[in-house]
Amino acid sequence: MLFTKYASPYSLLDDFVSLERLTEFVYSIVEADNERKMWEIYLACVANPYSEVTSFDEFKRKHTAPKINENINLEATINDSYGMLKEFKPES
């Protein structure tokens, strides 16, 4: 996703890593991309003369799944995954 907006996003990522805000940055990028995709789908639906959709907010309410579990600690999950990968030794 980042390569579509930035020629070289590595320095941007390095900055967020050094500020310890990579998780927030990733969330915001994913959220913005989901919003863009939802908007494109909405435009296609509105172009349909038989569509019953009246507003983008209504469309988002109807087509957005509720969050399953907001208590998941993403950073802990990432750290656990990193720990598993760190200990992984491929067979030679």
N, C-alpha and C. Protein backbone atom coordinates (compact mmCIF):
# COMPACT_ATOMS: atom_id res chain seq x y z
N MET A 1 0.81 -1.19 0.00
CA MET A 1 0.00 0.00 0.00
C MET A 1 0.86 1.26 0.00
N LEU A 2 1.94 1.23 0.74
CA LEU A 2 2.75 2.44 0.85
C LEU A 2 3.45 2.79 -0.45
N PHE A 3 3.78 1.77 -1.24
CA PHE A 3 4.50 2.04 -2.48
C PHE A 3 3.61 2.74 -3.50
N THR A 4 2.28 2.70 -3.33
CA THR A 4 1.40 3.42 -4.25
C THR A 4 1.39 4.92 -3.94
N LYS A 5 1.77 5.31 -2.72
CA LYS A 5 1.75 6.72 -2.34
C LYS A 5 3.14 7.33 -2.20
N TYR A 6 4.12 6.49 -1.89
CA TYR A 6 5.48 6.99 -1.65
C TYR A 6 6.45 6.23 -2.55
N ALA A 7 7.39 6.94 -3.13
CA ALA A 7 8.38 6.29 -3.98
C ALA A 7 9.25 5.33 -3.17
N SER A 8 9.65 5.77 -1.99
CA SER A 8 10.45 4.94 -1.10
C SER A 8 9.99 5.15 0.34
N PRO A 9 9.10 4.29 0.83
CA PRO A 9 8.55 4.50 2.17
C PRO A 9 9.46 4.05 3.31
N TYR A 10 10.64 3.54 2.99
CA TYR A 10 11.51 2.99 4.03
C TYR A 10 11.92 4.02 5.08
N SER A 11 12.26 5.22 4.64
CA SER A 11 12.66 6.25 5.61
C SER A 11 11.47 6.66 6.47
N LEU A 12 10.29 6.69 5.88
CA LEU A 12 9.08 7.00 6.65
C LEU A 12 8.84 5.93 7.72
N LEU A 13 8.97 4.67 7.33
CA LEU A 13 8.80 3.57 8.28
C LEU A 13 9.87 3.62 9.37
N ASP A 14 11.09 3.91 8.98
CA ASP A 14 12.18 4.02 9.96
C ASP A 14 11.88 5.10 11.00
N ASP A 15 11.33 6.22 10.53
CA ASP A 15 10.98 7.30 11.46
C ASP A 15 9.94 6.84 12.47
N PHE A 16 8.89 6.15 11.99
CA PHE A 16 7.85 5.69 12.91
C PHE A 16 8.36 4.61 13.85
N VAL A 17 9.27 3.78 13.38
CA VAL A 17 9.86 2.77 14.25
C VAL A 17 10.68 3.45 15.34
N SER A 18 11.48 4.44 14.96
CA SER A 18 12.31 5.13 15.96
C SER A 18 11.47 5.90 16.97
N LEU A 19 10.29 6.36 16.55
CA LEU A 19 9.38 7.07 17.46
C LEU A 19 8.49 6.11 18.25
N GLU A 20 8.64 4.82 17.97
CA GLU A 20 7.83 3.76 18.59
C GLU A 20 6.33 4.00 18.35
N ARG A 21 6.00 4.39 17.13
CA ARG A 21 4.60 4.66 16.76
C ARG A 21 4.22 3.90 15.49
N LEU A 22 4.94 2.83 15.20
CA LEU A 22 4.66 2.08 13.98
C LEU A 22 3.25 1.48 13.99
N THR A 23 2.82 0.97 15.13
CA THR A 23 1.50 0.36 15.23
C THR A 23 0.41 1.36 14.87
N GLU A 24 0.49 2.56 15.43
CA GLU A 24 -0.50 3.59 15.13
C GLU A 24 -0.48 3.96 13.65
N PHE A 25 0.72 4.04 13.09
CA PHE A 25 0.86 4.39 11.68
C PHE A 25 0.23 3.31 10.80
N VAL A 26 0.50 2.06 11.11
CA VAL A 26 -0.07 0.96 10.32
C VAL A 26 -1.59 0.98 10.41
N TYR A 27 -2.12 1.17 11.61
CA TYR A 27 -3.58 1.27 11.77
C TYR A 27 -4.15 2.39 10.90
N SER A 28 -3.51 3.55 10.91
CA SER A 28 -4.04 4.68 10.14
C SER A 28 -3.97 4.42 8.64
N ILE A 29 -2.89 3.80 8.18
CA ILE A 29 -2.77 3.49 6.76
C ILE A 29 -3.83 2.48 6.34
N VAL A 30 -4.02 1.44 7.12
CA VAL A 30 -5.02 0.42 6.79
C VAL A 30 -6.42 1.02 6.82
N GLU A 31 -6.69 1.85 7.82
CA GLU A 31 -8.00 2.49 7.92
C GLU A 31 -8.27 3.40 6.72
N ALA A 32 -7.28 4.17 6.32
CA ALA A 32 -7.44 5.05 5.16
C ALA A 32 -7.66 4.25 3.89
N ASP A 33 -6.95 3.14 3.74
CA ASP A 33 -7.11 2.30 2.55
C ASP A 33 -8.49 1.65 2.54
N ASN A 34 -8.95 1.19 3.68
CA ASN A 34 -10.30 0.61 3.75
C ASN A 34 -11.36 1.65 3.42
N GLU A 35 -11.18 2.86 3.90
CA GLU A 35 -12.12 3.94 3.61
C GLU A 35 -12.16 4.25 2.12
N ARG A 36 -10.98 4.27 1.49
CA ARG A 36 -10.90 4.52 0.04
C ARG A 36 -11.62 3.43 -0.74
N LYS A 37 -11.38 2.18 -0.36
CA LYS A 37 -12.04 1.06 -1.05
C LYS A 37 -13.56 1.11 -0.86
N MET A 38 -13.97 1.43 0.36
CA MET A 38 -15.40 1.52 0.64
C MET A 38 -16.03 2.63 -0.21
N TRP A 39 -15.33 3.76 -0.35
CA TRP A 39 -15.82 4.86 -1.15
C TRP A 39 -15.98 4.45 -2.62
N GLU A 40 -15.01 3.71 -3.15
CA GLU A 40 -15.09 3.27 -4.53
C GLU A 40 -16.26 2.32 -4.76
N ILE A 41 -16.51 1.44 -3.80
CA ILE A 41 -17.65 0.53 -3.90
C ILE A 41 -18.95 1.33 -3.81
N TYR A 42 -18.99 2.31 -2.91
CA TYR A 42 -20.16 3.17 -2.77
C TYR A 42 -20.47 3.88 -4.09
N LEU A 43 -19.45 4.42 -4.73
CA LEU A 43 -19.66 5.12 -6.00
C LEU A 43 -20.24 4.19 -7.06
N ALA A 44 -19.76 2.94 -7.08
CA ALA A 44 -20.30 1.97 -8.03
C ALA A 44 -21.77 1.67 -7.72
N CYS A 45 -22.12 1.60 -6.45
CA CYS A 45 -23.51 1.33 -6.05
C CYS A 45 -24.42 2.51 -6.38
N VAL A 46 -23.94 3.71 -6.17
CA VAL A 46 -24.75 4.90 -6.44
C VAL A 46 -24.99 5.05 -7.95
N ALA A 47 -24.04 4.60 -8.75
CA ALA A 47 -24.21 4.68 -10.20
C ALA A 47 -25.33 3.77 -10.69
N ASN A 48 -25.69 2.78 -9.90
CA ASN A 48 -26.78 1.87 -10.24
C ASN A 48 -28.10 2.59 -10.01
N PRO A 49 -28.93 2.74 -11.05
CA PRO A 49 -30.19 3.48 -10.88
C PRO A 49 -31.17 2.79 -9.94
N TYR A 50 -30.99 1.50 -9.67
CA TYR A 50 -31.90 0.76 -8.80
C TYR A 50 -31.39 0.68 -7.35
N SER A 51 -30.29 1.36 -7.09
CA SER A 51 -29.70 1.33 -5.76
C SER A 51 -30.58 2.08 -4.76
N GLU A 52 -30.66 1.54 -3.56
CA GLU A 52 -31.43 2.18 -2.50
C GLU A 52 -30.53 2.96 -1.53
N VAL A 53 -29.27 3.04 -1.84
CA VAL A 53 -28.31 3.73 -0.97
C VAL A 53 -28.49 5.24 -1.13
N THR A 54 -28.56 5.94 -0.01
CA THR A 54 -28.75 7.39 -0.08
C THR A 54 -27.52 8.17 0.34
N SER A 55 -26.77 7.70 1.33
CA SER A 55 -25.59 8.44 1.77
C SER A 55 -24.43 7.47 2.04
N PHE A 56 -23.24 8.02 2.02
CA PHE A 56 -22.06 7.21 2.28
C PHE A 56 -22.07 6.67 3.70
N ASP A 57 -22.49 7.49 4.66
CA ASP A 57 -22.55 7.04 6.05
C ASP A 57 -23.52 5.87 6.22
N GLU A 58 -24.66 5.95 5.55
CA GLU A 58 -25.63 4.85 5.59
C GLU A 58 -25.02 3.59 4.98
N PHE A 59 -24.34 3.76 3.86
CA PHE A 59 -23.70 2.63 3.18
C PHE A 59 -22.66 1.97 4.09
N LYS A 60 -21.84 2.80 4.75
CA LYS A 60 -20.82 2.25 5.65
C LYS A 60 -21.45 1.50 6.82
N ARG A 61 -22.53 2.05 7.36
CA ARG A 61 -23.21 1.38 8.48
C ARG A 61 -23.73 0.01 8.06
N LYS A 62 -24.28 -0.07 6.85
CA LYS A 62 -24.86 -1.33 6.38
C LYS A 62 -23.80 -2.37 6.02
N HIS A 63 -22.63 -1.91 5.56
CA HIS A 63 -21.64 -2.83 5.01
C HIS A 63 -20.36 -2.98 5.82
N THR A 64 -20.33 -2.42 7.00
CA THR A 64 -19.16 -2.56 7.85
C THR A 64 -19.48 -3.58 8.94
N ALA A 65 -18.61 -4.57 9.05
CA ALA A 65 -18.81 -5.61 10.07
C ALA A 65 -18.46 -5.04 11.44
N PRO A 66 -19.21 -5.43 12.45
CA PRO A 66 -18.86 -4.97 13.80
C PRO A 66 -17.53 -5.59 14.23
N LYS A 67 -16.81 -4.88 15.07
CA LYS A 67 -15.53 -5.40 15.56
C LYS A 67 -15.81 -6.60 16.46
N ILE A 68 -15.07 -7.67 16.20
CA ILE A 68 -15.29 -8.92 16.93
C ILE A 68 -14.76 -8.83 18.35
N ASN A 69 -13.50 -8.45 18.49
CA ASN A 69 -12.90 -8.39 19.82
C ASN A 69 -11.94 -7.21 19.87
N GLU A 70 -12.33 -6.19 20.58
CA GLU A 70 -11.48 -5.01 20.68
C GLU A 70 -10.42 -5.17 21.76
N ASN A 71 -10.46 -6.25 22.51
CA ASN A 71 -9.53 -6.44 23.61
C ASN A 71 -8.22 -7.10 23.18
N ILE A 72 -8.09 -7.42 21.91
CA ILE A 72 -6.87 -8.04 21.43
C ILE A 72 -5.74 -7.00 21.47
N ASN A 73 -4.66 -7.39 22.10
CA ASN A 73 -3.51 -6.50 22.19
C ASN A 73 -2.60 -6.79 21.00
N LEU A 74 -2.65 -5.93 20.00
CA LEU A 74 -1.91 -6.16 18.77
C LEU A 74 -0.41 -6.17 19.01
N GLU A 75 0.08 -5.27 19.83
CA GLU A 75 1.52 -5.24 20.07
C GLU A 75 2.01 -6.52 20.73
N ALA A 76 1.25 -7.05 21.67
CA ALA A 76 1.63 -8.31 22.32
C ALA A 76 1.63 -9.44 21.30
N THR A 77 0.64 -9.45 20.42
CA THR A 77 0.57 -10.48 19.39
C THR A 77 1.77 -10.39 18.46
N ILE A 78 2.13 -9.18 18.06
CA ILE A 78 3.28 -8.99 17.17
C ILE A 78 4.56 -9.42 17.87
N ASN A 79 4.72 -9.06 19.13
CA ASN A 79 5.91 -9.45 19.88
C ASN A 79 6.00 -10.96 20.04
N ASP A 80 4.87 -11.62 20.31
CA ASP A 80 4.87 -13.09 20.39
C ASP A 80 5.27 -13.71 19.07
N SER A 81 4.72 -13.17 17.97
CA SER A 81 5.05 -13.70 16.64
C SER A 81 6.53 -13.48 16.34
N TYR A 82 7.04 -12.31 16.69
CA TYR A 82 8.45 -12.02 16.46
C TYR A 82 9.32 -12.98 17.25
N GLY A 83 8.92 -13.27 18.49
CA GLY A 83 9.68 -14.22 19.32
C GLY A 83 9.72 -15.60 18.70
N MET A 84 8.58 -16.04 18.15
CA MET A 84 8.54 -17.35 17.49
C MET A 84 9.45 -17.38 16.27
N LEU A 85 9.41 -16.30 15.47
CA LEU A 85 10.25 -16.25 14.27
C LEU A 85 11.72 -16.18 14.63
N LYS A 86 12.04 -15.49 15.72
CA LYS A 86 13.43 -15.35 16.15
C LYS A 86 14.02 -16.71 16.52
N GLU A 87 13.20 -17.58 17.14
CA GLU A 87 13.66 -18.90 17.56
C GLU A 87 13.62 -19.93 16.43
N PHE A 88 13.00 -19.59 15.30
CA PHE A 88 12.87 -20.53 14.20
C PHE A 88 14.21 -20.80 13.56
N LYS A 89 14.56 -22.07 13.44
CA LYS A 89 15.80 -22.47 12.79
C LYS A 89 15.44 -23.45 11.66
N PRO A 90 15.54 -23.01 10.40
CA PRO A 90 15.18 -23.90 9.29
C PRO A 90 16.18 -25.06 9.19
N GLU A 91 15.66 -26.17 8.73
CA GLU A 91 16.53 -27.34 8.57
C GLU A 91 17.47 -27.11 7.41
N SER A 92 18.71 -27.54 7.59
CA SER A 92 19.70 -27.36 6.52
C SER A 92 19.73 -28.52 5.57
